[in-house]
Protein backbone atom coordinates (compact mmCIF):
# COMPACT_ATOMS: atom_id res chain seq x y z
CA MET A 1 -124.55 42.44 9.11
CA LEU A 2 -122.76 39.55 7.95
CA ARG A 3 -123.55 36.41 9.68
CA VAL A 4 -120.70 33.84 9.82
CA LEU A 5 -120.55 29.82 11.25
CA ASN A 6 -117.75 29.12 13.10
CA LEU A 7 -117.49 25.76 11.21
CA GLY A 8 -115.63 23.02 13.02
CA ALA A 9 -116.96 19.99 10.85
CA GLY A 10 -118.11 18.19 13.70
CA VAL A 11 -121.82 17.24 14.88
CA GLN A 12 -122.88 20.40 16.76
CA SER A 13 -121.34 22.76 13.65
CA THR A 14 -122.59 20.40 10.79
CA THR A 15 -126.54 20.10 11.99
CA LEU A 16 -125.94 24.39 11.78
CA TYR A 17 -124.74 24.41 8.17
CA LEU A 18 -127.37 21.62 7.32
CA TRP A 19 -130.15 24.47 9.29
CA ALA A 20 -128.57 26.57 6.68
CA VAL A 21 -128.46 24.25 3.43
CA ASP A 22 -132.25 24.19 4.58
CA LYS A 23 -132.83 27.56 4.62
CA GLN A 24 -133.42 27.44 8.66
CA LEU A 25 -130.77 29.63 9.74
CA ALA A 26 -129.96 32.18 8.11
CA VAL A 27 -125.66 31.82 7.42
CA ASP A 28 -123.50 34.23 4.45
CA VAL A 29 -120.38 31.80 5.11
CA ALA A 30 -119.03 29.28 6.86
CA ILE A 31 -115.45 29.59 7.94
CA PHE A 32 -113.25 26.33 9.19
CA ALA A 33 -109.56 27.01 10.71
CA ASP A 34 -107.42 23.82 9.54
CA THR A 35 -104.45 23.21 11.40
CA GLY A 36 -102.61 21.00 8.60
CA ASP A 37 -103.49 17.71 10.64
CA GLU A 38 -106.98 17.40 10.89
CA PRO A 39 -108.56 13.49 10.12
CA GLN A 40 -108.76 12.74 6.83
CA ALA A 41 -112.26 12.04 7.82
CA VAL A 42 -112.81 15.54 8.53
CA TYR A 43 -110.87 16.72 4.95
CA ARG A 44 -113.51 14.19 3.40
CA HIS A 45 -116.69 15.69 5.53
CA LEU A 46 -115.85 18.99 4.43
CA GLU A 47 -115.71 18.21 0.71
CA PHE A 48 -118.96 16.54 1.37
CA LEU A 49 -120.54 19.64 2.97
CA GLY A 50 -119.26 21.57 -0.51
CA THR A 51 -121.85 19.51 -2.42
CA LEU A 52 -124.74 20.56 -0.87
CA GLY A 53 -125.47 23.78 -1.95
CA GLY A 54 -124.86 25.62 1.36
CA PRO A 55 -123.48 28.89 2.28
CA ARG A 56 -119.86 28.82 0.71
CA ILE A 57 -116.76 27.30 3.04
CA GLU A 58 -113.88 28.93 3.54
CA ILE A 59 -111.63 27.11 4.88
CA VAL A 60 -108.24 29.69 7.20
CA LYS A 61 -105.02 28.30 7.95
CA ARG A 62 -102.84 30.60 10.76
CA SER A 63 -99.85 29.22 8.68
CA GLU A 64 -99.31 27.20 5.00
CA VAL A 65 -97.17 25.05 7.49
CA SER A 66 -99.06 22.52 9.59
CA LEU A 67 -99.23 23.13 13.21
CA GLY A 68 -97.12 19.90 13.87
CA ASP A 69 -94.43 21.28 11.73
CA GLN A 70 -94.08 24.21 13.11
CA LEU A 71 -93.73 22.50 16.35
CA ALA A 72 -90.82 20.69 15.11
CA GLN A 73 -89.00 23.78 13.83
CA GLY A 74 -89.66 25.47 17.34
CA ILE A 75 -92.21 28.70 15.33
CA ASP A 76 -95.76 29.57 15.83
CA GLY A 77 -97.63 31.28 13.05
CA GLU A 78 -96.28 34.31 13.29
CA GLY A 79 -92.78 32.88 13.32
CA GLY A 80 -92.13 33.52 16.48
CA ARG A 81 -91.84 30.84 19.58
CA HIS A 82 -93.14 27.53 19.13
CA ILE A 83 -97.04 27.03 19.70
CA SER A 84 -97.48 24.62 22.80
CA LEU A 85 -99.86 21.47 22.82
CA PRO A 86 -101.46 20.92 26.36
CA THR A 87 -99.81 17.52 27.01
CA PHE A 88 -99.32 15.91 29.54
CA LEU A 89 -96.34 16.01 31.94
CA THR A 90 -94.40 13.67 34.67
CA HIS A 91 -91.72 13.12 36.70
CA THR A 92 -92.30 9.39 36.13
CA GLU A 93 -93.61 7.79 32.75
CA GLY A 94 -97.12 6.32 33.57
CA VAL A 95 -98.13 9.05 36.26
CA ALA A 96 -99.22 12.29 34.86
CA SER A 97 -97.94 15.22 37.23
CA GLY A 98 -99.72 18.21 35.01
CA MET A 99 -100.32 19.41 31.77
CA ALA A 100 -98.26 22.31 29.68
CA GLN A 101 -99.74 25.47 28.41
CA ARG A 102 -102.20 25.68 26.00
CA ARG A 103 -101.74 28.01 22.98
CA CYS A 104 -102.73 26.26 19.93
CA THR A 105 -106.86 26.76 19.75
CA SER A 106 -106.36 30.39 20.79
CA GLU A 107 -103.57 30.38 18.08
CA TYR A 108 -104.76 27.58 15.06
CA LYS A 109 -108.65 28.22 15.83
CA ILE A 110 -109.38 31.59 16.97
CA VAL A 111 -107.26 33.95 15.39
CA PRO A 112 -107.51 33.13 11.85
CA ILE A 113 -111.20 32.90 11.70
CA HIS A 114 -111.35 36.23 13.65
CA ARG A 115 -108.73 37.53 11.12
CA ARG A 116 -110.92 36.58 7.90
CA ILE A 117 -113.83 37.89 9.15
CA ARG A 118 -112.56 41.24 10.00
CA GLU A 119 -111.09 41.32 6.64
CA ILE A 120 -114.55 40.45 5.05
CA VAL A 121 -116.09 43.21 6.23
CA GLY A 122 -113.26 45.78 5.99
CA LEU A 123 -111.07 46.30 9.56
CA ALA A 124 -107.73 46.74 9.05
CA PRO A 125 -105.52 44.77 11.54
CA TYR A 126 -105.84 46.46 14.87
CA GLN A 127 -108.73 48.57 13.68
CA ARG A 128 -111.51 49.39 16.28
CA THR A 129 -114.73 49.84 15.86
CA SER A 130 -117.71 49.99 17.84
CA GLN A 131 -120.28 49.09 15.90
CA PRO A 132 -120.97 45.40 15.68
CA LEU A 133 -120.25 44.27 11.92
CA ALA A 134 -120.61 40.69 11.90
CA THR A 135 -122.47 38.20 14.01
CA GLN A 136 -120.18 34.62 14.49
CA ILE A 137 -122.80 31.36 15.13
CA PHE A 138 -121.47 29.27 17.48
CA GLY A 139 -122.30 25.43 17.30
CA LEU A 140 -122.68 25.12 21.39
CA SER A 141 -125.46 22.80 22.42
CA PHE A 142 -127.32 22.71 25.72
CA ASP A 143 -125.64 20.80 27.30
CA GLU A 144 -122.15 22.71 26.92
CA PRO A 145 -123.09 25.58 29.46
CA ARG A 146 -119.94 26.25 30.31
CA ARG A 147 -118.55 26.53 27.05
CA VAL A 148 -121.19 29.05 26.13
CA ILE A 149 -120.28 31.58 28.95
CA ASN A 150 -116.74 30.90 27.66
CA ALA A 151 -117.22 32.15 24.36
CA LYS A 152 -119.85 35.52 25.28
CA THR A 153 -116.87 36.43 28.06
CA ARG A 154 -114.49 36.11 25.10
CA MET A 155 -116.64 38.20 22.47
CA GLN A 156 -116.90 40.77 25.07
CA SER A 157 -113.61 42.42 24.10
CA MET A 158 -114.78 42.16 20.36
CA PRO A 159 -117.33 44.75 19.90
CA TRP A 160 -117.36 44.58 16.05
CA SER A 161 -119.24 40.77 16.73
CA LEU A 162 -121.83 39.65 17.86
CA ALA A 163 -122.77 35.92 19.32
CA GLU A 164 -125.43 34.04 18.56
CA PHE A 165 -126.08 29.89 19.53
CA PRO A 166 -128.73 28.46 18.34
CA LEU A 167 -128.48 25.01 19.75
CA PHE A 168 -128.27 26.41 23.16
CA ASP A 169 -131.27 28.49 22.32
CA GLU A 170 -132.99 25.66 21.32
CA TYR A 171 -132.54 23.28 24.12
CA MET A 172 -130.53 20.97 21.50
CA THR A 173 -127.64 18.55 23.19
CA ARG A 174 -125.03 16.83 21.51
CA ASP A 175 -126.97 13.92 21.50
CA ASP A 176 -129.92 15.40 19.90
CA CYS A 177 -128.00 16.87 17.03
CA VAL A 178 -126.50 12.96 16.36
CA THR A 179 -129.96 11.89 16.32
CA TYR A 180 -131.04 14.70 13.83
CA LEU A 181 -127.83 13.58 11.36
CA LYS A 182 -128.90 10.38 11.32
CA GLN A 183 -132.00 11.32 10.31
CA ARG A 184 -130.91 13.73 7.77
CA LEU A 185 -127.77 12.27 6.26
CA PRO A 186 -128.45 8.26 6.39
CA GLY A 187 -125.40 6.59 6.29
CA HIS A 188 -122.63 9.18 6.42
CA GLU A 189 -120.78 9.54 9.74
CA VAL A 190 -119.80 13.15 10.77
CA PRO A 191 -116.33 13.00 12.33
CA ARG A 192 -115.03 15.15 15.35
CA SER A 193 -112.55 18.30 14.09
CA ALA A 194 -109.22 17.84 16.37
CA CYS A 195 -106.08 17.40 15.32
CA VAL A 196 -105.03 13.51 15.15
CA TYR A 197 -102.69 13.86 18.44
CA CYS A 198 -104.87 16.31 19.91
CA PRO A 199 -103.80 15.21 24.05
CA PHE A 200 -107.62 15.58 24.83
CA HIS A 201 -108.78 12.22 22.69
CA ASN A 202 -110.05 10.00 24.91
CA ASP A 203 -109.48 6.45 23.99
CA ALA A 204 -112.33 5.54 21.80
CA GLU A 205 -110.74 8.78 19.93
CA TRP A 206 -107.30 7.39 19.92
CA ALA A 207 -109.12 4.12 18.59
CA ARG A 208 -109.97 5.51 15.94
CA VAL A 209 -107.61 7.50 14.59
CA LYS A 210 -105.08 4.30 14.95
CA GLU A 211 -107.72 2.80 12.22
CA SER A 212 -106.53 5.66 9.58
CA PRO A 213 -102.66 4.55 8.88
CA VAL A 214 -102.16 8.25 7.52
CA ASP A 215 -103.59 9.58 10.66
CA TRP A 216 -102.02 7.56 12.90
CA GLU A 217 -97.97 7.76 11.72
CA ARG A 218 -99.24 11.59 11.81
CA ALA A 219 -99.66 11.33 15.81
CA LEU A 220 -96.68 8.91 16.26
CA GLN A 221 -94.24 11.50 14.96
CA VAL A 222 -95.43 14.42 16.93
CA ASP A 223 -95.45 11.69 20.12
CA ARG A 224 -91.75 10.72 19.36
CA LEU A 225 -90.92 14.50 18.72
CA LEU A 226 -91.99 15.78 22.00
CA ARG A 227 -89.64 13.61 23.77
CA ASP A 228 -86.75 13.98 21.65
CA PRO A 229 -83.60 15.76 23.87
CA ALA A 230 -82.71 17.45 20.40
CA SER A 231 -86.21 19.09 19.07
CA VAL A 232 -86.70 22.87 19.82
CA CYS A 233 -90.19 22.16 21.80
CA ASN A 234 -88.56 20.59 24.35
CA HIS A 235 -86.34 23.73 25.06
CA HIS A 236 -86.29 24.67 28.90
CA LEU A 237 -88.88 21.47 29.58
CA THR A 238 -87.38 19.67 32.63
CA THR A 239 -90.25 17.07 32.53
CA PRO A 240 -90.89 14.60 29.31
CA GLN A 241 -94.26 15.26 27.78
CA TYR A 242 -96.90 12.70 26.30
CA LEU A 243 -100.08 12.83 24.03
CA HIS A 244 -102.03 10.33 26.41
CA ARG A 245 -102.86 10.83 29.92
CA SER A 246 -101.16 7.34 30.51
CA CYS A 247 -98.01 9.33 30.20
CA LEU A 248 -96.41 6.41 27.90
CA PRO A 249 -95.51 5.95 24.21
CA LEU A 250 -98.22 5.87 21.82
CA ASP A 251 -97.32 3.02 20.33
CA GLN A 252 -97.46 0.96 23.64
CA ILE A 253 -100.49 2.14 24.70
CA GLU A 254 -103.61 -0.57 24.12
CA PHE A 255 -106.33 2.04 24.33
CA LYS A 256 -109.96 0.79 26.13
CA PRO A 257 -112.62 2.60 24.68
CA LYS A 258 -115.74 3.71 27.34
CA PRO A 259 -119.61 1.74 27.10
CA PRO A 260 -120.31 2.83 23.10
CA ASP A 261 -122.96 5.22 25.07
CA ARG A 262 -119.77 7.36 26.27
CA GLN A 263 -117.60 7.00 23.43
CA GLY A 264 -116.53 9.97 21.39
CA ARG A 265 -117.27 12.02 24.34
CA ILE A 266 -114.94 14.89 25.99
CA ASP A 267 -115.05 16.01 29.76
CA PHE A 268 -115.74 19.90 28.96
CA SER A 269 -115.94 20.81 32.47
CA THR A 270 -112.27 20.19 32.48
CA MET A 271 -110.72 20.56 29.03
CA ASP A 272 -112.50 22.24 26.89
CA CYS A 273 -111.12 23.78 23.51
CA GLU A 274 -112.39 27.61 24.26
CA GLY A 275 -115.89 26.34 21.89
CA MET A 276 -114.02 26.19 18.82
CA CYS A 277 -112.66 22.62 18.41
CA GLY A 278 -114.69 19.38 17.64
CA LEU A 279 -117.90 20.84 17.17
């Protein structure tokens, strides 16, 4: 039975990877799905994890072209209709009226990981089996019960794979993981894995993106693209798209992070990434 850690490269999944390094958790391979537009800090963190002598880390991609570039080209990872981001839509600038459909998590995170696992265990595309051949290990903590339920529900359609939730089973919360990482990796900051232009960023996360010139410029490029009348990503849309919930251009926003005890948190009850982003 292949044991795979779904490595989001964030706080929770990094905790599990370190458990594997310390032989507290059996892991054969850790798989990270790269959209091509992760923060620079995430790529550096992955390189760091690779030096710890733990399970091998594989980086998989839906396409060699980044999610943002495919959005600009009007295609998805398979060359079909472009992927959609969960952008904020508005009829009046500054007032959100809804959100666009989210397909990025499934298409660029879940699908590439599942394809790679099936390749490793020898399942051909579309081949069916009722025998579990792999166990997927999720970095979902005790304070994320809805995400655990979502993951379990999704896994019911995949009899070839079992699901395991070590943090949840050990009653560990995200804050517990933060405390553990401070002790296990003193002086090393573990970033949150999410595209630099993810609409689910809170203001603290947007402020962190802005601290990196490379990440910030990429976020601005995609933000402008979303409202370019000539862009194919606006085809058939009658309302403008924005990355920030204020429905204002990113370069016009003064980000106002919440107090330190609430920074870096996402309201998973309304806008979780199906247990794959930001772990």
